[in-house]
């Protein structure tokens, strides 16, 4: 028996939107948040899809996330914004901020914004890809719950701190990097834990800083601050480049928490049962300020084709471009999306608690 089921996207959208509305969110914000979650599932990023519904509704129920919060502009220049999300959900403030950033870039060639006092915002790539609709370069990054140990360290002090950059093309699929600066994001451990699968030793450490294959142990240790956590990109030692992933995580902290005047490092989710104060950074760049859009997109096509058509390693039949696998899967899941049966059970339980019927 398969451990997943295909669910009609329109039914899922209706259900999740109603759950958020029943939790006190506006119809607009509910639709935005729902779209971010389902787009994640369409692209095969199950760790950040509707499986997160309970996390958000529980956050609202516990008073940690404010369902009807509205963003506020703290500081603004022709090219920049500093925004507070006022402890609302991360998706609505991020979507609206990226819209503002895009408008600044269209008018003044570049737009950048920091957001503080926010929450988990879903997949970073959702916001960078918004810029593609206007043929702009898009940037999106966020700090997060401290899950990552520094190189040679034992305690988790930095977030998985994802980075996403999206670049338009002419004939090829857009280039979209959407990556954690840790070996994997927390959600990947949650997926393995839900399925009872061991994780590779290169992913995380136990309370003493030694590699472990038990995802549940890592999640428990980090939650209770017992030591250990995820490893930065490159792993546990300098010889494999662990210090580079560590540095990338620090760069994200600088651009999000520190530049916004918000929380950073161990201060994100620093006090249990209080607002998380997650911080984000968004950017959009008008390509025409540098070279013509036609020249840029043709050059993007050229380098992508050079990579795709290059000689393959022994035993390999193709090379992929960042974002390509996700675009292929999303094209296949426009009407129906695959969800793990356990996720379906969990979100139905959320619906029952809120009086929302699931027609799937």
Protein backbone atom coordinates (compact mmCIF):
# COMPACT_ATOMS: atom_id res chain seq x y z
CA UNK A 1 0.00 0.00 0.00
CA UNK A 2 1.32 3.40 -0.99
CA UNK A 3 2.12 5.74 1.88
CA UNK A 4 0.76 8.73 -0.02
CA UNK A 5 -2.49 9.80 -1.69
CA UNK A 6 -3.22 12.19 -4.53
CA UNK A 7 -5.41 15.09 -3.40
CA UNK A 8 -7.19 17.53 -5.70
CA UNK A 9 -5.47 20.90 -5.40
CA UNK A 10 -8.71 22.91 -5.48
CA UNK A 11 -10.14 20.85 -2.59
CA UNK A 12 -6.93 21.26 -0.61
CA UNK A 13 -6.85 25.01 -1.24
CA UNK A 14 -10.43 25.40 -0.01
CA UNK A 15 -9.79 23.33 3.10
CA UNK A 16 -6.53 25.00 4.16
CA UNK A 17 -7.87 28.50 3.46
CA UNK A 18 -10.92 27.82 5.62
CA UNK A 19 -8.72 26.50 8.42
CA UNK A 20 -6.77 29.75 8.46
CA UNK A 21 -9.93 31.85 8.29
CA UNK A 22 -11.44 29.91 11.20
CA UNK A 23 -8.21 30.67 13.08
CA UNK A 24 -8.84 34.40 12.70
CA UNK A 25 -6.90 35.31 9.54
CA UNK A 26 -8.39 37.48 6.80
CA UNK A 27 -9.44 35.85 3.54
CA UNK A 28 -6.55 37.58 1.72
CA UNK A 29 -3.90 36.45 4.20
CA UNK A 30 -5.38 32.96 4.37
CA UNK A 31 -5.17 32.61 0.58
CA UNK A 32 -1.59 33.89 0.51
CA UNK A 33 -0.46 31.46 3.21
CA UNK A 34 -2.32 28.57 1.61
CA UNK A 35 -0.75 29.26 -1.77
CA UNK A 36 2.76 29.26 -0.31
CA UNK A 37 2.16 25.91 1.41
CA UNK A 38 0.56 24.17 -1.56
CA UNK A 39 3.18 25.52 -3.98
CA UNK A 40 5.75 23.87 -1.75
CA UNK A 41 3.96 20.53 -2.01
CA UNK A 42 3.59 20.92 -5.77
CA UNK A 43 7.35 21.43 -6.04
CA UNK A 44 8.06 18.34 -3.97
CA UNK A 45 9.19 20.18 -0.84
CA UNK A 46 6.93 18.23 1.52
CA UNK A 47 8.76 19.51 4.60
CA UNK A 48 7.35 23.02 4.02
CA UNK A 49 3.92 22.18 2.62
CA UNK A 50 0.52 21.66 4.23
CA UNK A 51 2.23 19.42 6.80
CA UNK A 52 3.00 22.74 8.51
CA UNK A 53 -0.69 23.61 8.97
CA UNK A 54 -0.86 22.37 12.55
CA UNK A 55 2.30 24.28 13.46
CA UNK A 56 0.66 27.53 12.34
CA UNK A 57 -2.81 26.92 13.80
CA UNK A 58 -1.22 25.85 17.10
CA UNK A 59 0.92 28.99 17.04
CA UNK A 60 -2.21 31.09 16.62
CA UNK A 61 -4.07 29.16 19.32
CA UNK A 62 -1.17 29.62 21.75
CA UNK A 63 -0.92 33.35 21.08
CA UNK A 64 2.56 33.14 19.56
CA UNK A 65 1.38 34.06 16.05
CA UNK A 66 -1.12 36.91 15.66
CA UNK A 67 -3.66 35.93 12.97
CA UNK A 68 -4.91 39.43 12.16
CA UNK A 69 -1.56 41.26 12.46
CA UNK A 70 -0.79 43.81 9.77
CA UNK A 71 2.68 44.80 8.68
CA UNK A 72 4.07 48.27 9.41
CA UNK A 73 6.74 50.22 7.54
CA UNK A 74 9.30 51.45 10.07
CA UNK A 75 11.69 53.14 7.66
CA UNK A 76 11.64 53.74 3.90
CA UNK A 77 13.86 55.21 1.18
CA UNK A 78 13.38 55.09 -2.61
CA UNK A 79 15.23 51.76 -2.68
CA UNK A 80 14.80 50.23 0.78
CA UNK A 81 12.29 49.28 3.45
CA UNK A 82 12.42 48.20 7.08
CA UNK A 83 9.20 46.43 8.02
CA UNK A 84 7.78 44.83 11.15
CA UNK A 85 5.42 41.90 10.80
CA UNK A 86 3.98 42.56 14.27
CA UNK A 87 4.20 38.85 15.11
CA UNK A 88 1.88 37.78 12.31
CA UNK A 89 2.42 34.74 10.12
CA UNK A 90 5.46 34.97 7.88
CA UNK A 91 3.78 34.31 4.55
CA UNK A 92 1.49 37.36 4.28
CA UNK A 93 4.11 39.92 5.35
CA UNK A 94 6.72 38.32 3.10
CA UNK A 95 4.43 38.28 0.05
CA UNK A 96 3.40 41.90 0.59
CA UNK A 97 6.98 43.03 1.26
CA UNK A 98 8.27 41.33 -1.89
CA UNK A 99 5.54 43.10 -3.86
CA UNK A 100 6.80 46.45 -2.51
CA UNK A 101 10.41 45.51 -3.25
CA UNK A 102 9.52 44.61 -6.84
CA UNK A 103 7.78 47.95 -7.37
CA UNK A 104 10.84 49.80 -6.09
CA UNK A 105 13.08 47.84 -8.45
CA UNK A 106 10.81 48.57 -11.42
CA UNK A 107 10.87 52.27 -10.58
CA UNK A 108 14.39 52.77 -9.20
CA UNK A 109 16.31 49.71 -10.52
CA UNK A 110 16.85 48.04 -7.14
CA UNK A 111 14.68 47.30 -4.13
CA UNK A 112 15.68 45.75 -0.82
CA UNK A 113 13.77 45.18 2.41
CA UNK A 114 14.32 43.72 5.85
CA UNK A 115 11.48 42.32 7.95
CA UNK A 116 11.57 41.77 11.69
CA UNK A 117 9.02 40.42 14.22
CA UNK A 118 7.79 37.78 11.81
CA UNK A 119 7.43 33.99 11.77
CA UNK A 120 8.36 31.01 9.59
CA UNK A 121 7.64 32.07 5.98
CA UNK A 122 7.65 28.74 4.11
CA UNK A 123 9.92 28.10 1.11
CA UNK A 124 12.34 30.91 0.37
CA UNK A 125 11.98 30.31 -3.37
CA UNK A 126 8.34 31.37 -3.41
CA UNK A 127 9.33 35.00 -2.88
CA UNK A 128 12.42 35.11 -5.10
CA UNK A 129 10.33 33.61 -7.92
CA UNK A 130 7.81 36.46 -7.61
CA UNK A 131 10.44 38.67 -9.26
CA UNK A 132 10.52 36.40 -12.32
CA UNK A 133 7.03 37.57 -13.25
CA UNK A 134 8.52 41.03 -13.85
CA UNK A 135 11.78 39.75 -15.44
CA UNK A 136 13.76 40.85 -12.41
CA UNK A 137 16.40 39.08 -10.35
CA UNK A 138 14.86 37.98 -7.06
CA UNK A 139 16.46 37.37 -3.66
CA UNK A 140 14.90 35.91 -0.53
CA UNK A 141 16.44 34.76 2.73
CA UNK A 142 15.44 34.28 6.35
CA UNK A 143 16.89 33.36 9.71
CA UNK A 144 15.20 30.64 11.72
CA UNK A 145 15.11 28.55 14.88
CA UNK A 146 18.70 27.82 16.04
CA UNK A 147 19.25 24.28 14.82
CA UNK A 148 22.77 24.44 13.35
CA UNK A 149 26.03 23.94 15.22
CA UNK A 150 29.05 26.07 14.23
CA UNK A 151 32.12 24.29 12.91
CA UNK A 152 33.84 22.50 15.86
CA UNK A 153 30.89 23.44 18.09
CA UNK A 154 28.48 21.31 20.14
CA UNK A 155 25.46 23.59 20.62
CA UNK A 156 23.00 24.81 17.97
CA UNK A 157 23.28 28.59 17.74
CA UNK A 158 22.33 29.40 14.12
CA UNK A 159 19.29 28.70 11.99
CA UNK A 160 19.11 26.64 8.82
CA UNK A 161 19.00 30.11 7.24
CA UNK A 162 17.92 29.41 3.64
CA UNK A 163 18.94 31.49 0.64
CA UNK A 164 17.03 31.73 -2.63
CA UNK A 165 17.99 33.53 -5.84
CA UNK A 166 15.84 33.43 -8.99
CA UNK A 167 17.00 34.54 -12.45
CA UNK A 168 14.88 34.76 -15.62
CA UNK A 169 15.78 32.99 -18.85
CA UNK A 170 14.59 33.06 -22.45
CA UNK A 171 13.81 29.50 -23.56
CA UNK A 172 15.11 27.45 -20.65
CA UNK A 173 13.38 27.07 -17.30
CA UNK A 174 14.29 29.87 -14.85
CA UNK A 175 17.29 29.35 -12.60
CA UNK A 176 16.10 29.05 -8.99
CA UNK A 177 18.40 28.25 -6.08
CA UNK A 178 16.44 27.56 -2.90
CA UNK A 179 18.73 26.02 -0.30
CA UNK A 180 19.32 25.82 3.40
CA UNK A 181 22.80 26.76 4.57
CA UNK A 182 22.71 23.58 6.65
CA UNK A 183 23.14 20.14 5.11
CA UNK A 184 19.33 19.80 5.20
CA UNK A 185 16.47 21.89 6.63
CA UNK A 186 14.68 20.92 9.83
CA UNK A 187 11.66 19.83 7.82
CA UNK A 188 13.71 17.09 6.19
CA UNK A 189 14.42 15.61 9.62
CA UNK A 190 10.71 15.83 10.43
CA UNK A 191 9.88 13.94 7.22
CA UNK A 192 12.39 11.18 8.09
CA UNK A 193 11.13 11.05 11.66
CA UNK A 194 7.50 10.73 10.51
CA UNK A 195 8.49 7.85 8.24
CA UNK A 196 10.70 6.17 10.86
CA UNK A 197 13.77 6.37 8.61
CA UNK A 198 17.38 6.91 9.78
CA UNK A 199 19.21 9.97 8.47
CA UNK A 200 22.72 9.98 6.94
CA UNK A 201 25.51 10.59 9.46
CA UNK A 202 26.57 13.74 7.61
CA UNK A 203 23.35 15.55 8.50
CA UNK A 204 23.39 16.08 12.25
CA UNK A 205 25.11 15.53 15.60
CA UNK A 206 23.99 14.24 19.00
CA UNK A 207 24.29 16.06 22.32
CA UNK A 208 28.05 15.47 22.43
CA UNK A 209 28.68 16.70 18.90
CA UNK A 210 29.04 13.24 17.37
CA UNK A 211 27.26 12.25 14.12
CA UNK A 212 23.91 10.47 14.61
CA UNK A 213 21.35 8.74 12.37
CA UNK A 214 18.36 9.31 14.70
CA UNK A 215 16.24 12.27 13.46
CA UNK A 216 13.90 12.14 16.47
CA UNK A 217 16.85 12.40 18.86
CA UNK A 218 18.21 15.46 17.04
CA UNK A 219 14.82 17.19 17.04
CA UNK A 220 14.33 16.43 20.76
CA UNK A 221 17.83 17.58 21.71
CA UNK A 222 17.49 20.86 19.84
CA UNK A 223 14.00 21.56 21.19
CA UNK A 224 15.16 20.95 24.76
CA UNK A 225 18.55 22.59 24.15
CA UNK A 226 20.46 19.50 25.21
CA UNK A 227 23.23 19.96 22.65
CA UNK A 228 23.89 18.91 19.08
CA UNK A 229 21.94 19.84 15.97
CA UNK A 230 22.15 20.07 12.22
CA UNK A 231 25.48 20.51 10.47
CA UNK A 232 26.27 23.42 8.15
CA UNK A 233 26.72 22.75 4.44
CA UNK A 234 30.03 20.90 4.11
CA UNK A 235 29.59 18.84 7.26
CA UNK A 236 31.43 18.54 10.52
CA UNK A 237 35.02 19.38 9.50
CA UNK A 238 36.89 22.05 7.53
CA UNK A 239 38.34 19.46 5.15
CA UNK A 240 34.89 18.99 3.60
CA UNK A 241 34.01 22.69 3.71
CA UNK A 242 31.90 22.83 6.84
CA UNK A 243 33.30 26.26 7.68
CA UNK A 244 31.88 27.56 4.39
CA UNK A 245 28.32 26.57 5.26
CA UNK A 246 28.88 28.06 8.71
CA UNK A 247 29.94 31.33 7.06
CA UNK A 248 26.91 31.32 4.77
CA UNK A 249 24.60 30.93 7.77
CA UNK A 250 26.30 33.92 9.37
CA UNK A 251 25.81 36.00 6.21
CA UNK A 252 22.08 35.31 6.42
CA UNK A 253 22.01 36.39 10.08
CA UNK A 254 23.68 39.67 9.10
CA UNK A 255 21.24 40.44 6.30
CA UNK A 256 18.12 39.40 8.23
CA UNK A 257 18.26 39.71 12.01
CA UNK A 258 21.09 42.19 12.45
CA UNK A 259 20.30 44.50 9.52
CA UNK A 260 16.61 44.61 10.44
CA UNK A 261 17.22 45.40 14.09
CA UNK A 262 15.46 42.17 15.04
CA UNK A 263 16.48 38.88 16.63
CA UNK A 264 19.45 36.85 15.45
CA UNK A 265 21.19 33.58 16.26
CA UNK A 266 20.07 32.00 19.55
CA UNK A 267 17.65 34.89 20.19
CA UNK A 268 15.30 33.69 17.41
CA UNK A 269 12.61 31.68 19.22
CA UNK A 270 14.71 32.63 22.25
CA UNK A 271 11.98 32.48 24.90
CA UNK A 272 9.52 29.55 24.87
CA UNK A 273 5.83 30.39 24.31
CA UNK A 274 6.56 33.93 23.13
CA UNK A 275 6.68 35.42 19.62
CA UNK A 276 9.51 34.01 17.51
CA UNK A 277 10.82 37.29 16.04
CA UNK A 278 12.00 35.63 12.84
CA UNK A 279 13.59 38.07 10.36
CA UNK A 280 13.71 38.10 6.55
CA UNK A 281 15.52 39.88 3.72
CA UNK A 282 14.13 40.44 0.22
CA UNK A 283 15.65 41.92 -2.90
CA UNK A 284 14.81 42.64 -6.52
CA UNK A 285 17.17 43.92 -9.20
CA UNK A 286 16.27 45.41 -12.57
CA UNK A 287 18.47 43.64 -15.09
CA UNK A 288 18.08 46.49 -17.58
CA UNK A 289 20.09 48.71 -15.22
CA UNK A 290 23.12 46.61 -16.20
CA UNK A 291 22.54 44.99 -19.60
CA UNK A 292 19.54 44.44 -21.84
CA UNK A 293 17.07 41.83 -20.67
CA UNK A 294 17.41 40.05 -24.02
CA UNK A 295 21.20 39.75 -23.65
CA UNK A 296 20.87 38.55 -20.06
CA UNK A 297 18.26 35.87 -20.73
CA UNK A 298 20.10 34.61 -23.82
CA UNK A 299 23.32 34.36 -21.80
CA UNK A 300 21.42 32.49 -19.08
CA UNK A 301 20.14 30.07 -21.71
CA UNK A 302 23.67 29.67 -23.06
CA UNK A 303 25.29 28.71 -19.76
CA UNK A 304 22.38 26.46 -18.81
CA UNK A 305 22.60 24.59 -22.12
CA UNK A 306 26.38 24.30 -21.76
CA UNK A 307 25.86 22.64 -18.39
CA UNK A 308 23.00 20.41 -19.47
CA UNK A 309 24.77 19.27 -22.62
CA UNK A 310 28.16 18.70 -21.00
CA UNK A 311 29.63 15.23 -20.58
CA UNK A 312 28.05 13.17 -17.83
CA UNK A 313 29.90 11.32 -15.09
CA UNK A 314 30.08 7.57 -15.49
CA UNK A 315 26.72 6.02 -14.61
CA UNK A 316 24.82 9.30 -14.92
CA UNK A 317 22.41 10.09 -17.75
CA UNK A 318 21.73 13.80 -17.16
CA UNK A 319 22.67 16.99 -15.34
CA UNK A 320 20.10 19.23 -13.70
CA UNK A 321 19.88 22.99 -13.21
CA UNK A 322 18.77 24.37 -9.83
CA UNK A 323 14.97 24.52 -9.70
CA UNK A 324 14.55 22.23 -12.71
CA UNK A 325 13.38 19.14 -10.81
CA UNK A 326 10.90 21.28 -8.86
CA UNK A 327 9.50 22.89 -12.03
CA UNK A 328 9.07 19.48 -13.65
CA UNK A 329 7.22 18.14 -10.61
CA UNK A 330 5.07 21.26 -10.25
CA UNK A 331 4.00 20.95 -13.90
CA UNK A 332 2.84 17.41 -13.13
CA UNK A 333 0.96 18.44 -9.97
CA UNK A 334 -1.18 21.35 -11.11
CA UNK A 335 -4.48 19.53 -10.48
CA UNK A 336 -3.52 16.83 -7.99
CA UNK A 337 -0.74 16.82 -5.42
CA UNK A 338 0.78 13.85 -3.60
CA UNK A 339 0.56 14.00 0.20
CA UNK A 340 1.77 11.47 2.73
CA UNK A 341 -1.19 9.69 4.33
CA UNK A 342 0.03 10.68 7.77
CA UNK A 343 0.02 14.35 6.69
CA UNK A 344 -3.55 14.00 5.43
CA UNK A 345 -4.59 12.49 8.77
CA UNK A 346 -2.90 15.33 10.67
CA UNK A 347 -4.46 18.16 8.67
CA UNK A 348 -7.89 16.53 8.88
CA UNK A 349 -7.49 16.54 12.66
CA UNK A 350 -6.73 20.27 12.45
CA UNK A 351 -9.87 20.75 10.36
CA UNK A 352 -12.00 18.82 12.86
CA UNK A 353 -10.74 20.95 15.72
CA UNK A 354 -11.73 24.08 13.78
CA UNK A 355 -15.00 22.77 12.37
CA UNK A 356 -13.72 22.61 8.78
CA UNK A 357 -14.70 19.61 6.67
CA UNK A 358 -12.12 17.99 4.41
CA UNK A 359 -13.58 16.82 1.09
CA UNK A 360 -10.66 14.53 0.30
